Amino acid sequence: MNPIDELKSIIREQKSISTKRLDVIVLKFEKMYIAQGKKINSQKNSLSVINTKYQREKQKAERRKVMVEQFEDLKLNHKNLRREYNVLLEKLKEKQEVRKWI
């Protein structure tokens, strides 16, 4: 039985209680609070580890995002350079054809 429930039933049912019986209930309370404290510390440590992993993954994602943006910029620049190259190549061909006719 839960020590809190046990204490409540004693209060409801009895007018007096021996200290020996109370001592047992107090020990149960202490064990319960110690177990809760251990559980809380375990959860705190787990959260700390998870938060550390989350922060690392977040930083990696930010770096990847920057790299993707740089890659997209490079693709755009490459496309523009290719277009400019083709325009210049056409102009050169036109000049060469004009020279042939002269």
C-alpha atoms as a PDB file:
ATOM      1  CA  MET A   1       0.000   0.000   0.000  1.00  0.00           C
ATOM      2  CA  ASN A   2       1.145   3.520  -0.779  1.00  0.00           C
ATOM      3  CA  PRO A   3       2.459   5.209   2.409  1.00  0.00           C
ATOM      4  CA  ILE A   4       0.247   8.244   1.779  1.00  0.00           C
ATOM      5  CA  ASP A   5      -2.853   6.076   1.460  1.00  0.00           C
ATOM      6  CA  GLU A   6      -1.796   4.092   4.509  1.00  0.00           C
ATOM      7  CA  LEU A   7      -1.439   7.260   6.561  1.00  0.00           C
ATOM      8  CA  LYS A   8      -4.811   8.556   5.346  1.00  0.00           C
ATOM      9  CA  SER A   9      -6.532   5.302   6.354  1.00  0.00           C
ATOM     10  CA  ILE A  10      -4.902   5.438   9.789  1.00  0.00           C
ATOM     11  CA  ILE A  11      -6.104   9.016  10.274  1.00  0.00           C
ATOM     12  CA  ARG A  12      -9.652   8.057   9.229  1.00  0.00           C
ATOM     13  CA  GLU A  13      -9.882   4.840  11.230  1.00  0.00           C
ATOM     14  CA  GLN A  14      -7.816   5.364  14.379  1.00  0.00           C
ATOM     15  CA  LYS A  15      -7.530   7.965  17.085  1.00  0.00           C
ATOM     16  CA  SER A  16      -4.037   6.959  18.155  1.00  0.00           C
ATOM     17  CA  ILE A  17      -1.125   5.081  16.627  1.00  0.00           C
ATOM     18  CA  SER A  18       2.088   3.623  17.962  1.00  0.00           C
ATOM     19  CA  THR A  19       5.352   5.258  17.063  1.00  0.00           C
ATOM     20  CA  LYS A  20       6.613   1.890  15.891  1.00  0.00           C
ATOM     21  CA  ARG A  21       3.953   1.806  13.188  1.00  0.00           C
ATOM     22  CA  LEU A  22       4.625   5.438  12.274  1.00  0.00           C
ATOM     23  CA  ASP A  23       8.334   4.670  12.011  1.00  0.00           C
ATOM     24  CA  VAL A  24       7.604   2.066   9.322  1.00  0.00           C
ATOM     25  CA  ILE A  25       5.438   4.556   7.411  1.00  0.00           C
ATOM     26  CA  VAL A  26       8.140   7.238   7.660  1.00  0.00           C
ATOM     27  CA  LEU A  27      10.711   4.777   6.267  1.00  0.00           C
ATOM     28  CA  LYS A  28       8.381   4.066   3.341  1.00  0.00           C
ATOM     29  CA  PHE A  29       8.060   7.824   2.744  1.00  0.00           C
ATOM     30  CA  GLU A  30      11.823   8.237   2.788  1.00  0.00           C
ATOM     31  CA  LYS A  31      12.325   5.364   0.357  1.00  0.00           C
ATOM     32  CA  MET A  32       9.626   6.782  -1.899  1.00  0.00           C
ATOM     33  CA  TYR A  33      11.235  10.257  -1.948  1.00  0.00           C
ATOM     34  CA  ILE A  34      14.696   8.802  -2.515  1.00  0.00           C
ATOM     35  CA  ALA A  35      13.371   6.790  -5.462  1.00  0.00           C
ATOM     36  CA  GLN A  36      11.650   9.891  -6.850  1.00  0.00           C
ATOM     37  CA  GLY A  37      14.859  11.897  -6.441  1.00  0.00           C
ATOM     38  CA  LYS A  38      16.830   9.245  -8.330  1.00  0.00           C
ATOM     39  CA  LYS A  39      14.205   9.160 -11.049  1.00  0.00           C
ATOM     40  CA  ILE A  40      14.258  12.968 -11.367  1.00  0.00           C
ATOM     41  CA  ASN A  41      18.070  12.992 -11.550  1.00  0.00           C
ATOM     42  CA  SER A  42      17.995  10.261 -14.177  1.00  0.00           C
ATOM     43  CA  GLN A  43      15.460  12.207 -16.230  1.00  0.00           C
ATOM     44  CA  LYS A  44      17.506  15.395 -15.813  1.00  0.00           C
ATOM     45  CA  ASN A  45      20.625  13.624 -17.068  1.00  0.00           C
ATOM     46  CA  SER A  46      18.725  12.103 -19.984  1.00  0.00           C
ATOM     47  CA  LEU A  47      17.324  15.503 -20.933  1.00  0.00           C
ATOM     48  CA  SER A  48      20.790  17.009 -20.761  1.00  0.00           C
ATOM     49  CA  VAL A  49      22.190  14.344 -23.101  1.00  0.00           C
ATOM     50  CA  ILE A  50      19.243  14.682 -25.475  1.00  0.00           C
ATOM     51  CA  ASN A  51      19.564  18.476 -25.480  1.00  0.00           C
ATOM     52  CA  THR A  52      23.274  18.231 -26.263  1.00  0.00           C
ATOM     53  CA  LYS A  53      22.556  15.870 -29.182  1.00  0.00           C
ATOM     54  CA  TYR A  54      19.766  18.163 -30.380  1.00  0.00           C
ATOM     55  CA  GLN A  55      22.053  21.210 -30.335  1.00  0.00           C
ATOM     56  CA  ARG A  56      24.714  19.320 -32.323  1.00  0.00           C
ATOM     57  CA  GLU A  57      22.183  18.199 -34.924  1.00  0.00           C
ATOM     58  CA  LYS A  58      20.797  21.726 -35.117  1.00  0.00           C
ATOM     59  CA  GLN A  59      24.275  23.111 -35.813  1.00  0.00           C
ATOM     60  CA  LYS A  60      24.879  20.426 -38.454  1.00  0.00           C
ATOM     61  CA  ALA A  61      21.571  21.296 -40.103  1.00  0.00           C
ATOM     62  CA  GLU A  62      22.502  24.992 -40.155  1.00  0.00           C
ATOM     63  CA  ARG A  63      25.849  24.180 -41.764  1.00  0.00           C
ATOM     64  CA  ARG A  64      24.148  21.963 -44.333  1.00  0.00           C
ATOM     65  CA  LYS A  65      21.671  24.719 -45.087  1.00  0.00           C
ATOM     66  CA  VAL A  66      24.517  27.164 -45.743  1.00  0.00           C
ATOM     67  CA  MET A  67      26.236  24.627 -47.993  1.00  0.00           C
ATOM     68  CA  VAL A  68      23.014  24.035 -49.940  1.00  0.00           C
ATOM     69  CA  GLU A  69      22.571  27.787 -50.400  1.00  0.00           C
ATOM     70  CA  GLN A  70      26.159  28.089 -51.627  1.00  0.00           C
ATOM     71  CA  PHE A  71      25.591  25.192 -54.013  1.00  0.00           C
ATOM     72  CA  GLU A  72      22.428  26.820 -55.377  1.00  0.00           C
ATOM     73  CA  ASP A  73      24.333  30.087 -55.877  1.00  0.00           C
ATOM     74  CA  LEU A  74      27.107  28.234 -57.703  1.00  0.00           C
ATOM     75  CA  LYS A  75      24.567  26.508 -59.940  1.00  0.00           C
ATOM     76  CA  LEU A  76      23.003  29.860 -60.774  1.00  0.00           C
ATOM     77  CA  ASN A  77      26.396  31.437 -61.483  1.00  0.00           C
ATOM     78  CA  HIS A  78      27.349  28.474 -63.634  1.00  0.00           C
ATOM     79  CA  LYS A  79      24.112  28.781 -65.575  1.00  0.00           C
ATOM     80  CA  ASN A  80      24.732  32.508 -66.121  1.00  0.00           C
ATOM     81  CA  LEU A  81      28.316  31.895 -67.206  1.00  0.00           C
ATOM     82  CA  ARG A  82      27.171  29.194 -69.610  1.00  0.00           C
ATOM     83  CA  ARG A  83      24.591  31.556 -71.099  1.00  0.00           C
ATOM     84  CA  GLU A  84      27.196  34.316 -71.424  1.00  0.00           C
ATOM     85  CA  TYR A  85      29.631  31.849 -73.026  1.00  0.00           C
ATOM     86  CA  ASN A  86      27.027  30.791 -75.564  1.00  0.00           C
ATOM     87  CA  VAL A  87      26.219  34.413 -76.420  1.00  0.00           C
ATOM     88  CA  LEU A  88      29.904  35.228 -76.893  1.00  0.00           C
ATOM     89  CA  LEU A  89      30.408  32.079 -78.919  1.00  0.00           C
ATOM     90  CA  GLU A  90      27.547  33.062 -81.240  1.00  0.00           C
ATOM     91  CA  LYS A  91      29.037  36.544 -81.664  1.00  0.00           C
ATOM     92  CA  LEU A  92      32.402  35.025 -82.503  1.00  0.00           C
ATOM     93  CA  LYS A  93      30.854  32.712 -85.087  1.00  0.00           C
ATOM     94  CA  GLU A  94      29.014  35.646 -86.629  1.00  0.00           C
ATOM     95  CA  LYS A  95      32.272  37.653 -86.901  1.00  0.00           C
ATOM     96  CA  GLN A  96      34.055  34.701 -88.439  1.00  0.00           C
ATOM     97  CA  GLU A  97      31.294  34.252 -90.988  1.00  0.00           C
ATOM     98  CA  VAL A  98      31.432  37.949 -91.846  1.00  0.00           C
ATOM     99  CA  ARG A  99      35.172  37.688 -92.408  1.00  0.00           C
ATOM    100  CA  LYS A 100      34.718  34.741 -94.735  1.00  0.00           C
ATOM    101  CA  TRP A 101      32.449  36.819 -96.960  1.00  0.00           C
ATOM    102  CA  ILE A 102      34.845  39.688 -97.095  1.00  0.00           C
END
